[in-house]
């Protein structure tokens, strides 16, 4: 078994934390894990992409080969679209947070951000399944946008053939977060799980 997972977003969304937590949970499940991370602009808001490769038998290189991603988790829709052509394929499963984060050149009026519905349409035609999730407001209600990463991890763990479950993540979080923060992170994981479990196109 080899599973190639990409988590993509922008700086400040907790992308790297999510990839590290998933990697540690996979190791505790007895899987071999390699993680590679690429960063765009170093300041907050630049693109961040994590490659996570899970295998039962041997370790693989940290960067996923072109068009070989099994699952792409997008914390930001445009960043998901940006890597589609390089890493996606007809069997890729996409889990995407629907709310954009506008880069500075869009805010300045130099370029136009694509209509999110256009992005959704392209992604829905480009892989095996798209889960288009309105998760940002849920994260804000839980305490802030940074909770988005745990919601998306929960959504990922709800996939039928994904080898890590939300309970695996919850157990791991006990050694990472203070007890006062555990409940909100548990709730975020459960919310993400419910979003995918109850999803309808």
Protein backbone atom coordinates (compact mmCIF):
# COMPACT_ATOMS: atom_id res chain seq x y z
CA UNK A 1 0.00 0.00 0.00
CA UNK A 2 1.27 3.45 -0.95
CA UNK A 3 -0.89 6.50 -0.32
CA UNK A 4 0.18 9.90 -1.62
CA UNK A 5 -1.45 12.81 0.20
CA UNK A 6 -1.00 16.54 -0.38
CA UNK A 7 -2.17 19.25 2.01
CA UNK A 8 -2.10 22.69 0.44
CA UNK A 9 -2.97 26.15 1.69
CA UNK A 10 -1.35 29.42 2.64
CA UNK A 11 0.86 30.43 5.53
CA UNK A 12 -0.96 30.79 8.82
CA UNK A 13 -3.59 28.11 8.17
CA UNK A 14 -1.85 25.39 10.18
CA UNK A 15 -0.87 23.31 7.17
CA UNK A 16 2.49 22.18 8.57
CA UNK A 17 0.99 21.31 11.96
CA UNK A 18 -1.65 19.16 10.26
CA UNK A 19 0.95 17.27 8.22
CA UNK A 20 3.14 16.65 11.28
CA UNK A 21 0.18 15.36 13.33
CA UNK A 22 -0.90 13.03 10.52
CA UNK A 23 2.64 11.78 10.11
CA UNK A 24 3.01 11.00 13.82
CA UNK A 25 -0.37 9.28 13.91
CA UNK A 26 0.62 7.15 10.91
CA UNK A 27 3.87 6.10 12.59
CA UNK A 28 1.91 5.03 15.67
CA UNK A 29 -0.27 2.90 13.36
CA UNK A 30 2.87 1.10 12.17
CA UNK A 31 3.09 2.80 8.77
CA UNK A 32 6.22 4.12 7.12
CA UNK A 33 5.99 7.87 6.58
CA UNK A 34 7.89 10.47 4.59
CA UNK A 35 6.95 14.14 4.60
CA UNK A 36 8.17 16.85 2.26
CA UNK A 37 7.15 20.48 2.52
CA UNK A 38 7.45 23.32 0.03
CA UNK A 39 6.99 26.99 0.86
CA UNK A 40 6.35 29.99 -1.34
CA UNK A 41 6.80 33.49 0.05
CA UNK A 42 8.13 33.25 3.58
CA UNK A 43 5.71 35.78 5.03
CA UNK A 44 2.28 34.91 6.31
CA UNK A 45 -0.09 34.28 3.40
CA UNK A 46 2.38 32.64 1.01
CA UNK A 47 1.59 29.20 -0.44
CA UNK A 48 2.48 26.12 1.62
CA UNK A 49 2.26 22.53 0.39
CA UNK A 50 2.97 19.34 2.35
CA UNK A 51 3.58 15.97 0.70
CA UNK A 52 2.78 13.00 2.95
CA UNK A 53 3.55 9.49 1.70
CA UNK A 54 2.25 6.51 3.69
CA UNK A 55 3.34 2.94 3.06
CA UNK A 56 3.10 -0.40 4.81
CA UNK A 57 6.39 -1.84 3.62
CA UNK A 58 9.03 0.72 2.62
CA UNK A 59 9.87 4.39 2.75
CA UNK A 60 9.54 6.53 -0.35
CA UNK A 61 11.04 9.83 -1.43
CA UNK A 62 9.51 12.91 0.23
CA UNK A 63 8.14 14.51 -2.96
CA UNK A 64 5.19 12.92 -4.75
CA UNK A 65 5.83 12.36 -8.47
CA UNK A 66 3.76 14.37 -10.99
CA UNK A 67 0.10 13.38 -11.26
CA UNK A 68 0.39 10.74 -8.53
CA UNK A 69 -1.58 12.29 -5.64
CA UNK A 70 -4.29 10.00 -4.28
CA UNK A 71 -5.80 12.67 -2.01
CA UNK A 72 -5.46 16.44 -2.07
CA UNK A 73 -6.65 18.41 0.97
CA UNK A 74 -7.03 22.09 0.12
CA UNK A 75 -7.31 24.58 2.97
CA UNK A 76 -7.73 27.30 0.32
CA UNK A 77 -9.48 26.76 -3.05
CA UNK A 78 -7.11 28.63 -5.38
CA UNK A 79 -4.08 26.84 -3.96
CA UNK A 80 -5.85 23.54 -4.63
CA UNK A 81 -6.48 24.53 -8.23
CA UNK A 82 -2.89 25.70 -8.56
CA UNK A 83 -1.45 22.24 -7.92
CA UNK A 84 -4.14 20.25 -9.72
CA UNK A 85 -2.36 20.08 -13.06
CA UNK A 86 0.94 18.96 -11.54
CA UNK A 87 -0.23 16.39 -9.01
CA UNK A 88 -3.88 15.48 -9.69
CA UNK A 89 -5.25 12.63 -11.79
CA UNK A 90 -8.61 11.07 -12.69
CA UNK A 91 -8.67 9.09 -9.42
CA UNK A 92 -7.66 11.88 -7.03
CA UNK A 93 -10.03 12.65 -4.15
CA UNK A 94 -10.25 16.35 -3.28
CA UNK A 95 -11.26 17.69 0.14
CA UNK A 96 -11.43 21.46 -0.19
CA UNK A 97 -12.36 24.31 2.11
CA UNK A 98 -14.53 26.64 0.04
CA UNK A 99 -13.59 30.07 1.43
CA UNK A 100 -10.84 32.00 -0.40
CA UNK A 101 -7.96 33.86 1.20
CA UNK A 102 -7.15 36.68 -1.18
CA UNK A 103 -3.45 37.29 -1.89
CA UNK A 104 -2.02 40.79 -1.82
CA UNK A 105 -2.08 41.25 -5.59
CA UNK A 106 -5.82 40.51 -5.58
CA UNK A 107 -6.44 42.88 -2.66
CA UNK A 108 -4.45 45.56 -4.51
CA UNK A 109 -6.61 45.08 -7.60
CA UNK A 110 -3.76 43.91 -9.85
CA UNK A 111 -5.34 40.53 -10.63
CA UNK A 112 -8.77 38.96 -10.19
CA UNK A 113 -9.44 35.93 -8.02
CA UNK A 114 -11.39 33.22 -9.90
CA UNK A 115 -15.00 32.65 -8.96
CA UNK A 116 -14.97 29.89 -6.29
CA UNK A 117 -17.84 28.18 -8.12
CA UNK A 118 -15.59 27.99 -11.20
CA UNK A 119 -12.87 26.39 -9.07
CA UNK A 120 -15.40 23.95 -7.66
CA UNK A 121 -16.55 23.02 -11.18
CA UNK A 122 -13.01 22.37 -12.41
CA UNK A 123 -12.12 20.23 -9.41
CA UNK A 124 -15.34 18.23 -9.61
CA UNK A 125 -14.48 17.23 -13.17
CA UNK A 126 -10.82 16.51 -12.49
CA UNK A 127 -10.82 13.60 -10.04
CA UNK A 128 -12.80 10.73 -8.59
CA UNK A 129 -14.58 12.74 -5.86
CA UNK A 130 -14.78 16.28 -4.56
CA UNK A 131 -15.80 17.20 -1.02
CA UNK A 132 -16.41 20.97 -1.13
CA UNK A 133 -16.70 22.02 2.50
CA UNK A 134 -17.79 25.31 4.07
CA UNK A 135 -15.47 24.91 7.03
CA UNK A 136 -14.04 28.37 7.73
CA UNK A 137 -17.07 29.67 9.64
CA UNK A 138 -17.12 26.49 11.70
CA UNK A 139 -13.49 27.14 12.63
CA UNK A 140 -14.24 30.73 13.60
CA UNK A 141 -17.15 29.58 15.76
CA UNK A 142 -14.81 27.15 17.52
CA UNK A 143 -12.35 29.87 18.43
CA UNK A 144 -10.59 31.12 15.30
CA UNK A 145 -9.58 30.34 11.72
CA UNK A 146 -6.61 28.25 12.91
CA UNK A 147 -9.09 25.53 13.92
CA UNK A 148 -9.65 24.92 10.21
CA UNK A 149 -6.71 22.55 10.01
CA UNK A 150 -8.23 20.16 12.56
CA UNK A 151 -11.62 20.30 10.83
CA UNK A 152 -9.94 19.32 7.57
CA UNK A 153 -7.94 16.56 9.27
CA UNK A 154 -11.20 15.21 10.67
CA UNK A 155 -12.71 15.30 7.18
CA UNK A 156 -9.71 13.43 5.78
CA UNK A 157 -9.91 10.75 8.47
CA UNK A 158 -13.57 10.15 7.58
CA UNK A 159 -12.65 8.81 4.14
CA UNK A 160 -13.51 5.13 3.94
CA UNK A 161 -10.09 3.89 2.83
CA UNK A 162 -7.88 6.32 4.76
CA UNK A 163 -5.73 4.39 7.28
CA UNK A 164 -5.94 6.94 10.12
CA UNK A 165 -9.11 7.56 12.15
CA UNK A 166 -10.16 10.57 14.17
CA UNK A 167 -9.69 8.60 17.39
CA UNK A 168 -6.04 8.05 16.44
CA UNK A 169 -5.61 11.82 16.10
CA UNK A 170 -7.42 12.51 19.37
CA UNK A 171 -5.12 10.15 21.24
CA UNK A 172 -2.07 11.82 19.73
CA UNK A 173 -3.28 15.32 20.59
CA UNK A 174 -3.20 14.50 24.29
CA UNK A 175 0.58 14.76 24.11
CA UNK A 176 0.60 17.97 22.06
CA UNK A 177 -2.03 20.37 23.42
CA UNK A 178 -2.84 21.51 26.92
CA UNK A 179 -6.01 20.01 28.35
CA UNK A 180 -7.79 23.35 28.01
CA UNK A 181 -7.34 23.19 24.22
CA UNK A 182 -8.17 19.53 23.72
CA UNK A 183 -11.95 19.86 23.74
CA UNK A 184 -12.06 22.44 20.92
CA UNK A 185 -9.68 20.36 18.82
CA UNK A 186 -11.74 17.23 19.44
CA UNK A 187 -14.85 19.12 18.38
CA UNK A 188 -13.08 20.32 15.23
CA UNK A 189 -12.12 16.75 14.31
CA UNK A 190 -15.68 15.56 14.85
CA UNK A 191 -17.10 18.43 12.79
CA UNK A 192 -14.82 17.54 9.89
CA UNK A 193 -15.73 13.89 10.16
CA UNK A 194 -19.45 14.75 10.07
CA UNK A 195 -19.00 17.04 7.06
CA UNK A 196 -17.64 14.17 4.97
CA UNK A 197 -19.82 11.43 6.46
CA UNK A 198 -22.97 13.41 5.68
CA UNK A 199 -21.75 14.91 2.41
CA UNK A 200 -24.01 15.13 -0.60
CA UNK A 201 -23.00 16.55 -3.99
